[in-house]
Amino acid sequence: MPTEFVVVLLAALAGILIGGAYSAYKNSSTVAAAVLGVLALLAAGGAVAWFASS
C-alpha cells in the first residue's frame, strides 16, 4: 500500500472523528466528544508520523 494512500486515509479518518466530536459536543455529550477528540488526535498524529517516516 503506498505511503500517501495511508496518510490520506488517516487524515480523512481524523476529519470524520473531529466532525463527530463537534457533533457530540453540540449535543451535550462531553464524554463522547472527549473520546472522539482524542481518537482524532491519534489519527492525525499517526498520519503525520507515517508521512514523516517515509
N, C-alpha and C. Protein backbone atom coordinates (compact mmCIF):
# COMPACT_ATOMS: atom_id res chain seq x y z
N MET A 1 0.85 -1.17 0.00
CA MET A 1 0.00 0.00 0.00
C MET A 1 0.90 1.24 0.00
N PRO A 2 0.68 2.16 -0.91
CA PRO A 2 1.53 3.36 -0.97
C PRO A 2 1.39 4.22 0.30
N THR A 3 2.48 4.85 0.66
CA THR A 3 2.51 5.68 1.87
C THR A 3 1.49 6.80 1.80
N GLU A 4 1.38 7.43 0.65
CA GLU A 4 0.46 8.56 0.53
C GLU A 4 -0.99 8.13 0.75
N PHE A 5 -1.32 6.92 0.32
CA PHE A 5 -2.68 6.41 0.48
C PHE A 5 -3.02 6.25 1.96
N VAL A 6 -2.10 5.72 2.73
CA VAL A 6 -2.31 5.52 4.17
C VAL A 6 -2.44 6.87 4.87
N VAL A 7 -1.59 7.81 4.48
CA VAL A 7 -1.63 9.15 5.09
C VAL A 7 -2.97 9.82 4.81
N VAL A 8 -3.44 9.72 3.58
CA VAL A 8 -4.73 10.33 3.22
C VAL A 8 -5.86 9.66 3.98
N LEU A 9 -5.83 8.34 4.10
CA LEU A 9 -6.87 7.64 4.86
C LEU A 9 -6.88 8.06 6.33
N LEU A 10 -5.70 8.16 6.94
CA LEU A 10 -5.64 8.57 8.34
C LEU A 10 -6.10 10.02 8.52
N ALA A 11 -5.75 10.89 7.58
CA ALA A 11 -6.20 12.28 7.66
C ALA A 11 -7.71 12.37 7.49
N ALA A 12 -8.27 11.57 6.58
CA ALA A 12 -9.72 11.55 6.40
C ALA A 12 -10.41 11.02 7.66
N LEU A 13 -9.86 9.99 8.24
CA LEU A 13 -10.42 9.45 9.49
C LEU A 13 -10.38 10.50 10.59
N ALA A 14 -9.28 11.23 10.68
CA ALA A 14 -9.19 12.29 11.68
C ALA A 14 -10.26 13.35 11.46
N GLY A 15 -10.50 13.71 10.20
CA GLY A 15 -11.54 14.70 9.90
C GLY A 15 -12.92 14.21 10.28
N ILE A 16 -13.21 12.96 9.99
CA ILE A 16 -14.51 12.40 10.36
C ILE A 16 -14.67 12.37 11.87
N LEU A 17 -13.61 12.00 12.57
CA LEU A 17 -13.67 11.95 14.03
C LEU A 17 -13.82 13.34 14.63
N ILE A 18 -13.19 14.34 14.03
CA ILE A 18 -13.35 15.72 14.52
C ILE A 18 -14.79 16.17 14.34
N GLY A 19 -15.37 15.83 13.19
CA GLY A 19 -16.77 16.15 12.97
C GLY A 19 -17.68 15.47 13.97
N GLY A 20 -17.40 14.23 14.28
CA GLY A 20 -18.17 13.52 15.29
C GLY A 20 -18.01 14.11 16.68
N ALA A 21 -16.81 14.54 16.99
CA ALA A 21 -16.57 15.17 18.30
C ALA A 21 -17.33 16.48 18.41
N TYR A 22 -17.32 17.26 17.34
CA TYR A 22 -18.05 18.53 17.35
C TYR A 22 -19.55 18.29 17.49
N SER A 23 -20.05 17.30 16.76
CA SER A 23 -21.47 16.98 16.84
C SER A 23 -21.85 16.50 18.24
N ALA A 24 -21.02 15.66 18.83
CA ALA A 24 -21.29 15.18 20.18
C ALA A 24 -21.24 16.32 21.19
N TYR A 25 -20.31 17.24 21.00
CA TYR A 25 -20.20 18.39 21.90
C TYR A 25 -21.44 19.26 21.81
N LYS A 26 -21.93 19.48 20.59
CA LYS A 26 -23.12 20.30 20.40
C LYS A 26 -24.36 19.64 20.98
N ASN A 27 -24.36 18.33 21.09
CA ASN A 27 -25.49 17.61 21.69
C ASN A 27 -25.28 17.34 23.17
N SER A 28 -24.37 18.05 23.79
CA SER A 28 -24.10 17.98 25.22
C SER A 28 -23.62 16.62 25.69
N SER A 29 -22.90 15.91 24.83
CA SER A 29 -22.31 14.63 25.22
C SER A 29 -20.80 14.82 25.32
N THR A 30 -20.37 15.38 26.46
CA THR A 30 -18.97 15.76 26.59
C THR A 30 -18.03 14.56 26.65
N VAL A 31 -18.48 13.45 27.21
CA VAL A 31 -17.62 12.27 27.29
C VAL A 31 -17.34 11.74 25.88
N ALA A 32 -18.39 11.62 25.08
CA ALA A 32 -18.21 11.15 23.71
C ALA A 32 -17.36 12.13 22.91
N ALA A 33 -17.56 13.42 23.13
CA ALA A 33 -16.76 14.42 22.43
C ALA A 33 -15.29 14.30 22.80
N ALA A 34 -15.02 14.07 24.07
CA ALA A 34 -13.63 13.93 24.51
C ALA A 34 -12.99 12.68 23.92
N VAL A 35 -13.72 11.57 23.92
CA VAL A 35 -13.18 10.33 23.36
C VAL A 35 -12.91 10.48 21.87
N LEU A 36 -13.88 11.04 21.15
CA LEU A 36 -13.69 11.24 19.72
C LEU A 36 -12.57 12.23 19.43
N GLY A 37 -12.43 13.25 20.27
CA GLY A 37 -11.35 14.21 20.09
C GLY A 37 -9.98 13.56 20.27
N VAL A 38 -9.86 12.71 21.26
CA VAL A 38 -8.59 12.01 21.49
C VAL A 38 -8.29 11.07 20.32
N LEU A 39 -9.30 10.36 19.85
CA LEU A 39 -9.09 9.47 18.71
C LEU A 39 -8.71 10.26 17.46
N ALA A 40 -9.30 11.44 17.28
CA ALA A 40 -8.95 12.28 16.14
C ALA A 40 -7.50 12.73 16.23
N LEU A 41 -7.06 13.09 17.42
CA LEU A 41 -5.66 13.49 17.60
C LEU A 41 -4.71 12.33 17.32
N LEU A 42 -5.09 11.14 17.74
CA LEU A 42 -4.25 9.97 17.47
C LEU A 42 -4.18 9.69 15.97
N ALA A 43 -5.30 9.79 15.28
CA ALA A 43 -5.31 9.55 13.83
C ALA A 43 -4.48 10.61 13.10
N ALA A 44 -4.62 11.86 13.49
CA ALA A 44 -3.84 12.93 12.85
C ALA A 44 -2.36 12.76 13.16
N GLY A 45 -2.04 12.42 14.39
CA GLY A 45 -0.64 12.18 14.75
C GLY A 45 -0.06 10.99 13.99
N GLY A 46 -0.87 9.96 13.82
CA GLY A 46 -0.42 8.81 13.04
C GLY A 46 -0.17 9.17 11.59
N ALA A 47 -1.00 10.02 11.02
CA ALA A 47 -0.80 10.46 9.64
C ALA A 47 0.50 11.24 9.50
N VAL A 48 0.74 12.13 10.44
CA VAL A 48 1.98 12.92 10.40
C VAL A 48 3.20 12.03 10.59
N ALA A 49 3.12 11.12 11.55
CA ALA A 49 4.25 10.23 11.80
C ALA A 49 4.51 9.31 10.61
N TRP A 50 3.46 8.80 10.00
CA TRP A 50 3.60 7.91 8.84
C TRP A 50 4.22 8.66 7.68
N PHE A 51 3.78 9.90 7.48
CA PHE A 51 4.31 10.72 6.40
C PHE A 51 5.78 11.07 6.65
N ALA A 52 6.11 11.38 7.91
CA ALA A 52 7.48 11.77 8.25
C ALA A 52 8.45 10.59 8.15
N SER A 53 7.94 9.37 8.35
CA SER A 53 8.82 8.22 8.33
C SER A 53 9.18 7.77 6.92
N SER A 54 8.48 8.29 5.93
CA SER A 54 8.75 7.85 4.55
C SER A 54 9.79 8.70 3.88
